[in-house]
Amino acid sequence: MKISEIRELNDEELRTELERLHRHLFDIRAQAVTEKLEDPTLITKAKRDIARLLTIIRERELAGAQNQAVPGGAK
C-alpha cells in the first residue's frame, strides 16, 4: 500500500486496515513456521505497511493535539 493511498483513508478505515494487516501478518508467520510460506519477503512487506499506517495515525493525533493547543503557548 502506498502512502498516498493511506492518507486518503479516514480514521475508521485506517483502524480497520491496521486490524486486517495484523491478522495477515499473523497468518504469514504461521505459514513461515509450518514452512508453507513461498515468499519470505511478505513478512517484511506486511510489517512496513503496518508501520506506515501507524505513522499516519500518529501524525493525525499530533495534528489534532496541535489544533487544540492554546494559541500563544502556556506561560
N, C-alpha and C. Protein backbone atom coordinates (compact mmCIF):
# COMPACT_ATOMS: atom_id res chain seq x y z
N MET A 1 0.84 -1.17 0.00
CA MET A 1 0.00 0.00 0.00
C MET A 1 0.89 1.24 0.00
N LYS A 2 0.55 2.19 -0.85
CA LYS A 2 1.36 3.40 -0.94
C LYS A 2 0.88 4.42 0.09
N ILE A 3 1.79 5.30 0.47
CA ILE A 3 1.49 6.30 1.50
C ILE A 3 0.38 7.24 1.03
N SER A 4 0.33 7.55 -0.26
CA SER A 4 -0.72 8.43 -0.77
C SER A 4 -2.10 7.76 -0.62
N GLU A 5 -2.15 6.44 -0.81
CA GLU A 5 -3.40 5.71 -0.63
C GLU A 5 -3.82 5.71 0.83
N ILE A 6 -2.86 5.59 1.72
CA ILE A 6 -3.15 5.55 3.16
C ILE A 6 -3.67 6.90 3.62
N ARG A 7 -3.07 7.98 3.14
CA ARG A 7 -3.50 9.32 3.56
C ARG A 7 -4.94 9.63 3.14
N GLU A 8 -5.44 8.96 2.10
CA GLU A 8 -6.81 9.19 1.64
C GLU A 8 -7.86 8.52 2.53
N LEU A 9 -7.44 7.57 3.37
CA LEU A 9 -8.37 6.86 4.24
C LEU A 9 -8.75 7.71 5.43
N ASN A 10 -10.00 7.53 5.92
CA ASN A 10 -10.39 8.23 7.14
C ASN A 10 -9.92 7.42 8.34
N ASP A 11 -10.13 7.95 9.55
CA ASP A 11 -9.60 7.32 10.76
C ASP A 11 -10.15 5.91 10.96
N GLU A 12 -11.42 5.73 10.74
CA GLU A 12 -12.04 4.41 10.93
C GLU A 12 -11.47 3.40 9.94
N GLU A 13 -11.30 3.82 8.70
CA GLU A 13 -10.74 2.93 7.68
C GLU A 13 -9.29 2.57 8.00
N LEU A 14 -8.55 3.52 8.59
CA LEU A 14 -7.18 3.24 8.99
C LEU A 14 -7.14 2.15 10.06
N ARG A 15 -8.01 2.27 11.04
CA ARG A 15 -8.05 1.27 12.13
C ARG A 15 -8.44 -0.10 11.58
N THR A 16 -9.40 -0.13 10.67
CA THR A 16 -9.84 -1.39 10.07
C THR A 16 -8.71 -2.02 9.27
N GLU A 17 -8.02 -1.22 8.49
CA GLU A 17 -6.90 -1.71 7.69
C GLU A 17 -5.77 -2.20 8.58
N LEU A 18 -5.52 -1.51 9.68
CA LEU A 18 -4.48 -1.91 10.62
C LEU A 18 -4.81 -3.28 11.22
N GLU A 19 -6.06 -3.47 11.59
CA GLU A 19 -6.52 -4.76 12.11
C GLU A 19 -6.31 -5.86 11.08
N ARG A 20 -6.70 -5.59 9.84
CA ARG A 20 -6.57 -6.57 8.77
C ARG A 20 -5.11 -6.95 8.55
N LEU A 21 -4.22 -5.95 8.59
CA LEU A 21 -2.80 -6.23 8.38
C LEU A 21 -2.19 -7.03 9.53
N HIS A 22 -2.64 -6.76 10.75
CA HIS A 22 -2.15 -7.54 11.88
C HIS A 22 -2.55 -9.01 11.74
N ARG A 23 -3.80 -9.25 11.32
CA ARG A 23 -4.25 -10.62 11.10
C ARG A 23 -3.45 -11.27 9.96
N HIS A 24 -3.21 -10.50 8.91
CA HIS A 24 -2.45 -11.00 7.76
C HIS A 24 -1.02 -11.38 8.18
N LEU A 25 -0.39 -10.53 8.99
CA LEU A 25 0.96 -10.81 9.48
C LEU A 25 0.97 -12.08 10.32
N PHE A 26 -0.04 -12.25 11.16
CA PHE A 26 -0.15 -13.46 11.97
C PHE A 26 -0.23 -14.69 11.08
N ASP A 27 -1.06 -14.63 10.05
CA ASP A 27 -1.21 -15.75 9.12
C ASP A 27 0.10 -16.06 8.39
N ILE A 28 0.80 -15.01 7.98
CA ILE A 28 2.07 -15.19 7.29
C ILE A 28 3.09 -15.86 8.21
N ARG A 29 3.13 -15.41 9.45
CA ARG A 29 4.07 -16.01 10.40
C ARG A 29 3.75 -17.47 10.65
N ALA A 30 2.47 -17.79 10.72
CA ALA A 30 2.06 -19.19 10.90
C ALA A 30 2.51 -20.03 9.71
N GLN A 31 2.39 -19.49 8.53
CA GLN A 31 2.85 -20.20 7.33
C GLN A 31 4.37 -20.37 7.35
N ALA A 32 5.07 -19.38 7.84
CA ALA A 32 6.53 -19.46 7.90
C ALA A 32 6.97 -20.56 8.86
N VAL A 33 6.25 -20.70 9.98
CA VAL A 33 6.60 -21.72 10.96
C VAL A 33 6.37 -23.12 10.39
N THR A 34 5.28 -23.28 9.64
CA THR A 34 4.97 -24.59 9.08
C THR A 34 5.67 -24.82 7.73
N GLU A 35 6.53 -23.88 7.36
CA GLU A 35 7.32 -23.96 6.13
C GLU A 35 6.46 -24.02 4.87
N LYS A 36 5.33 -23.37 4.89
CA LYS A 36 4.46 -23.31 3.71
C LYS A 36 4.51 -21.93 3.05
N LEU A 37 5.35 -21.06 3.56
CA LEU A 37 5.45 -19.70 3.03
C LEU A 37 6.40 -19.70 1.83
N GLU A 38 5.87 -19.34 0.68
CA GLU A 38 6.67 -19.35 -0.55
C GLU A 38 7.54 -18.11 -0.67
N ASP A 39 7.04 -16.96 -0.21
CA ASP A 39 7.77 -15.70 -0.36
C ASP A 39 8.05 -15.09 1.01
N PRO A 40 9.24 -15.27 1.55
CA PRO A 40 9.56 -14.76 2.88
C PRO A 40 9.54 -13.23 2.99
N THR A 41 9.58 -12.54 1.85
CA THR A 41 9.55 -11.07 1.91
C THR A 41 8.17 -10.54 2.29
N LEU A 42 7.16 -11.40 2.28
CA LEU A 42 5.81 -10.97 2.66
C LEU A 42 5.76 -10.48 4.10
N ILE A 43 6.57 -11.09 4.96
CA ILE A 43 6.61 -10.67 6.37
C ILE A 43 7.11 -9.23 6.46
N THR A 44 8.19 -8.93 5.79
CA THR A 44 8.76 -7.58 5.81
C THR A 44 7.78 -6.57 5.22
N LYS A 45 7.14 -6.94 4.11
CA LYS A 45 6.19 -6.03 3.47
C LYS A 45 5.01 -5.73 4.38
N ALA A 46 4.51 -6.74 5.08
CA ALA A 46 3.38 -6.54 5.99
C ALA A 46 3.79 -5.64 7.15
N LYS A 47 4.98 -5.85 7.69
CA LYS A 47 5.47 -5.01 8.79
C LYS A 47 5.60 -3.55 8.36
N ARG A 48 6.09 -3.34 7.15
CA ARG A 48 6.24 -1.97 6.66
C ARG A 48 4.89 -1.29 6.45
N ASP A 49 3.92 -2.04 5.93
CA ASP A 49 2.59 -1.48 5.76
C ASP A 49 1.98 -1.10 7.10
N ILE A 50 2.18 -1.95 8.11
CA ILE A 50 1.69 -1.64 9.46
C ILE A 50 2.36 -0.38 9.98
N ALA A 51 3.66 -0.26 9.78
CA ALA A 51 4.40 0.92 10.24
C ALA A 51 3.90 2.18 9.54
N ARG A 52 3.60 2.08 8.25
CA ARG A 52 3.07 3.24 7.52
C ARG A 52 1.73 3.68 8.10
N LEU A 53 0.86 2.72 8.37
CA LEU A 53 -0.44 3.05 8.94
C LEU A 53 -0.29 3.70 10.31
N LEU A 54 0.56 3.12 11.14
CA LEU A 54 0.77 3.69 12.48
C LEU A 54 1.36 5.10 12.41
N THR A 55 2.20 5.35 11.43
CA THR A 55 2.79 6.68 11.26
C THR A 55 1.71 7.70 10.92
N ILE A 56 0.82 7.36 10.01
CA ILE A 56 -0.25 8.28 9.62
C ILE A 56 -1.21 8.51 10.78
N ILE A 57 -1.52 7.45 11.52
CA ILE A 57 -2.40 7.60 12.69
C ILE A 57 -1.77 8.55 13.69
N ARG A 58 -0.48 8.38 13.95
CA ARG A 58 0.22 9.24 14.90
C ARG A 58 0.30 10.68 14.40
N GLU A 59 0.55 10.87 13.12
CA GLU A 59 0.57 12.23 12.55
C GLU A 59 -0.76 12.93 12.79
N ARG A 60 -1.84 12.20 12.57
CA ARG A 60 -3.17 12.80 12.76
C ARG A 60 -3.43 13.10 14.23
N GLU A 61 -2.96 12.24 15.13
CA GLU A 61 -3.11 12.50 16.56
C GLU A 61 -2.37 13.78 16.95
N LEU A 62 -1.15 13.92 16.46
CA LEU A 62 -0.35 15.11 16.79
C LEU A 62 -0.95 16.37 16.18
N ALA A 63 -1.46 16.26 14.96
CA ALA A 63 -2.08 17.41 14.32
C ALA A 63 -3.34 17.83 15.08
N GLY A 64 -4.10 16.87 15.56
CA GLY A 64 -5.29 17.17 16.34
C GLY A 64 -4.95 17.82 17.67
N ALA A 65 -3.89 17.34 18.31
CA ALA A 65 -3.44 17.92 19.58
C ALA A 65 -2.92 19.33 19.36
N GLN A 66 -2.25 19.55 18.24
CA GLN A 66 -1.71 20.87 17.95
C GLN A 66 -2.84 21.86 17.69
N ASN A 67 -3.89 21.41 17.02
CA ASN A 67 -5.03 22.28 16.75
C ASN A 67 -5.79 22.64 18.02
N GLN A 68 -5.70 21.79 19.03
CA GLN A 68 -6.41 22.05 20.28
C GLN A 68 -5.57 22.86 21.26
N ALA A 69 -4.29 23.05 20.97
CA ALA A 69 -3.40 23.79 21.86
C ALA A 69 -3.82 25.26 21.92
N VAL A 70 -3.54 25.87 23.05
CA VAL A 70 -3.87 27.28 23.25
C VAL A 70 -2.91 28.14 22.46
N PRO A 71 -3.42 29.08 21.64
CA PRO A 71 -2.53 29.97 20.88
C PRO A 71 -1.68 30.80 21.82
N GLY A 72 -0.41 30.96 21.48
CA GLY A 72 0.49 31.76 22.30
C GLY A 72 1.26 30.93 23.30
N GLY A 73 0.81 29.71 23.55
CA GLY A 73 1.52 28.81 24.46
C GLY A 73 1.25 29.14 25.91
N ALA A 74 1.60 28.24 26.78
CA ALA A 74 1.41 28.42 28.23
C ALA A 74 2.62 29.13 28.83
N LYS A 75 2.34 30.00 29.77
CA LYS A 75 3.43 30.73 30.43
C LYS A 75 3.48 30.41 31.88
